[in-house]
Amino acid sequence: MPGYKATVIGENFEFVIDDEPQFLDFSRTVYIDAEDEDAAQVAALAVVREELLAQAMLDDEADQSITIEEISQADVLADKAIEGDFIWYFPDDDEDE
């Protein structure tokens, strides 16, 4: 079964910083074993959603979005060791790049 590397991005997740609600975006890289690219996309989104649910970060009533930014075949065994955590940032931060 081929391996896939997926970069998942999320937008509009609420954090309280200094008693003020702030909305942050995230990026998360996951490695998935899947039959094909479509199955890998579904699995990558499921992994990230599960992690966000475990952290009580998903809110059905909020205007949050989670999408695949990029996906490609990868050597999952070699790359799984460097799988990244969530990288949180303010939405304006990505405009500076």
C-alpha atoms as a PDB file:
ATOM      1  CA  MET A   1       0.000   0.000   0.000  1.00  0.00           C
ATOM      2  CA  PRO A   2       1.481   3.376  -0.942  1.00  0.00           C
ATOM      3  CA  GLY A   3       2.215   6.048   1.624  1.00  0.00           C
ATOM      4  CA  TYR A   4       1.166   9.672   1.363  1.00  0.00           C
ATOM      5  CA  LYS A   5       2.310  12.892   2.978  1.00  0.00           C
ATOM      6  CA  ALA A   6      -0.526  15.381   3.468  1.00  0.00           C
ATOM      7  CA  THR A   7      -0.350  18.972   4.619  1.00  0.00           C
ATOM      8  CA  VAL A   8      -3.629  19.815   6.333  1.00  0.00           C
ATOM      9  CA  ILE A   9      -4.575  23.397   7.096  1.00  0.00           C
ATOM     10  CA  GLY A  10      -7.259  24.732   9.369  1.00  0.00           C
ATOM     11  CA  GLU A  11      -8.727  28.167   9.748  1.00  0.00           C
ATOM     12  CA  ASN A  12     -10.653  30.063  12.405  1.00  0.00           C
ATOM     13  CA  PHE A  13      -9.951  28.104  15.606  1.00  0.00           C
ATOM     14  CA  GLU A  14     -10.651  30.067  18.783  1.00  0.00           C
ATOM     15  CA  PHE A  15      -8.094  30.456  21.554  1.00  0.00           C
ATOM     16  CA  VAL A  16      -8.347  32.718  24.585  1.00  0.00           C
ATOM     17  CA  ILE A  17      -5.128  34.718  24.904  1.00  0.00           C
ATOM     18  CA  ASP A  18      -4.820  37.274  27.703  1.00  0.00           C
ATOM     19  CA  ASP A  19      -8.568  36.919  28.357  1.00  0.00           C
ATOM     20  CA  GLU A  20      -9.304  37.891  24.726  1.00  0.00           C
ATOM     21  CA  PRO A  21     -10.690  35.460  22.170  1.00  0.00           C
ATOM     22  CA  GLN A  22      -8.308  35.122  19.232  1.00  0.00           C
ATOM     23  CA  PHE A  23      -8.833  33.122  16.054  1.00  0.00           C
ATOM     24  CA  LEU A  24      -5.834  31.164  14.828  1.00  0.00           C
ATOM     25  CA  ASP A  25      -5.071  29.018  11.807  1.00  0.00           C
ATOM     26  CA  PHE A  26      -2.932  25.879  11.752  1.00  0.00           C
ATOM     27  CA  SER A  27      -0.841  23.663   9.557  1.00  0.00           C
ATOM     28  CA  ARG A  28      -0.267  19.960  10.271  1.00  0.00           C
ATOM     29  CA  THR A  29       1.687  17.358   8.280  1.00  0.00           C
ATOM     30  CA  VAL A  30       0.496  13.756   8.515  1.00  0.00           C
ATOM     31  CA  TYR A  31       1.686  10.537   6.895  1.00  0.00           C
ATOM     32  CA  ILE A  32      -0.925   8.011   5.805  1.00  0.00           C
ATOM     33  CA  ASP A  33      -0.930   4.523   4.288  1.00  0.00           C
ATOM     34  CA  ALA A  34      -3.773   4.364   1.781  1.00  0.00           C
ATOM     35  CA  GLU A  35      -4.859   2.615  -1.407  1.00  0.00           C
ATOM     36  CA  ASP A  36      -4.884   5.844  -3.432  1.00  0.00           C
ATOM     37  CA  GLU A  37      -4.721   9.616  -3.117  1.00  0.00           C
ATOM     38  CA  ASP A  38      -8.471  10.040  -2.513  1.00  0.00           C
ATOM     39  CA  ALA A  39      -8.397   7.555   0.374  1.00  0.00           C
ATOM     40  CA  ALA A  40      -5.279   9.278   1.749  1.00  0.00           C
ATOM     41  CA  GLN A  41      -7.059  12.652   1.750  1.00  0.00           C
ATOM     42  CA  VAL A  42     -10.033  11.227   3.645  1.00  0.00           C
ATOM     43  CA  ALA A  43      -7.749   9.482   6.152  1.00  0.00           C
ATOM     44  CA  ALA A  44      -5.560  12.569   6.702  1.00  0.00           C
ATOM     45  CA  LEU A  45      -8.585  14.746   7.416  1.00  0.00           C
ATOM     46  CA  ALA A  46      -9.955  12.086   9.788  1.00  0.00           C
ATOM     47  CA  VAL A  47      -6.666  11.931  11.734  1.00  0.00           C
ATOM     48  CA  VAL A  48      -6.551  15.701  12.183  1.00  0.00           C
ATOM     49  CA  ARG A  49     -10.233  15.919  13.133  1.00  0.00           C
ATOM     50  CA  GLU A  50      -9.734  13.168  15.718  1.00  0.00           C
ATOM     51  CA  GLU A  51      -6.756  15.006  17.226  1.00  0.00           C
ATOM     52  CA  LEU A  52      -8.699  18.276  17.359  1.00  0.00           C
ATOM     53  CA  LEU A  53     -11.672  16.529  18.991  1.00  0.00           C
ATOM     54  CA  ALA A  54      -9.364  15.014  21.604  1.00  0.00           C
ATOM     55  CA  GLN A  55      -8.164  18.550  22.415  1.00  0.00           C
ATOM     56  CA  ALA A  56     -11.748  19.935  22.410  1.00  0.00           C
ATOM     57  CA  MET A  57     -10.804  22.256  19.550  1.00  0.00           C
ATOM     58  CA  LEU A  58     -13.636  21.424  17.130  1.00  0.00           C
ATOM     59  CA  ASP A  59     -16.823  23.432  17.400  1.00  0.00           C
ATOM     60  CA  ASP A  60     -19.755  22.467  15.164  1.00  0.00           C
ATOM     61  CA  GLU A  61     -21.217  25.959  15.475  1.00  0.00           C
ATOM     62  CA  ALA A  62     -18.017  27.857  14.591  1.00  0.00           C
ATOM     63  CA  ASP A  63     -16.947  28.830  11.094  1.00  0.00           C
ATOM     64  CA  GLN A  64     -13.926  26.524  11.125  1.00  0.00           C
ATOM     65  CA  SER A  65     -12.477  24.894   8.036  1.00  0.00           C
ATOM     66  CA  ILE A  66     -10.057  22.002   7.596  1.00  0.00           C
ATOM     67  CA  THR A  67      -8.667  21.238   4.145  1.00  0.00           C
ATOM     68  CA  ILE A  68      -5.800  19.486   2.396  1.00  0.00           C
ATOM     69  CA  GLU A  69      -3.277  22.020   1.130  1.00  0.00           C
ATOM     70  CA  GLU A  70      -0.954  19.495  -0.502  1.00  0.00           C
ATOM     71  CA  ILE A  71      -0.692  15.723  -0.839  1.00  0.00           C
ATOM     72  CA  SER A  72       1.940  13.537  -2.451  1.00  0.00           C
ATOM     73  CA  GLN A  73       3.295  10.009  -2.303  1.00  0.00           C
ATOM     74  CA  ALA A  74       5.994   9.580   0.329  1.00  0.00           C
ATOM     75  CA  ASP A  75       8.082   6.969   2.116  1.00  0.00           C
ATOM     76  CA  VAL A  76       5.858   6.737   5.188  1.00  0.00           C
ATOM     77  CA  LEU A  77       8.249   4.614   7.255  1.00  0.00           C
ATOM     78  CA  ALA A  78      11.104   7.077   6.770  1.00  0.00           C
ATOM     79  CA  ASP A  79       8.959  10.177   7.253  1.00  0.00           C
ATOM     80  CA  LYS A  80       6.712   9.062  10.139  1.00  0.00           C
ATOM     81  CA  ALA A  81       9.533   9.720  12.611  1.00  0.00           C
ATOM     82  CA  ILE A  82       9.538  13.412  11.649  1.00  0.00           C
ATOM     83  CA  GLU A  83       5.770  13.859  11.590  1.00  0.00           C
ATOM     84  CA  GLY A  84       4.989  17.345  12.820  1.00  0.00           C
ATOM     85  CA  ASP A  85       2.716  18.726  15.471  1.00  0.00           C
ATOM     86  CA  PHE A  86       0.118  21.391  14.904  1.00  0.00           C
ATOM     87  CA  ILE A  87       1.703  24.712  13.970  1.00  0.00           C
ATOM     88  CA  TRP A  88      -0.615  27.500  15.113  1.00  0.00           C
ATOM     89  CA  TYR A  89      -0.402  31.023  13.716  1.00  0.00           C
ATOM     90  CA  PHE A  90      -2.414  34.206  13.421  1.00  0.00           C
ATOM     91  CA  PRO A  91      -4.139  34.491  10.014  1.00  0.00           C
ATOM     92  CA  ASP A  92      -2.177  37.650   9.145  1.00  0.00           C
ATOM     93  CA  ASP A  93       1.160  35.834   9.638  1.00  0.00           C
ATOM     94  CA  ASP A  94       0.908  33.973   6.327  1.00  0.00           C
ATOM     95  CA  GLU A  95       0.521  37.221   4.363  1.00  0.00           C
ATOM     96  CA  ASP A  96       4.077  38.221   5.273  1.00  0.00           C
ATOM     97  CA  GLU A  97       5.622  35.224   3.451  1.00  0.00           C
END
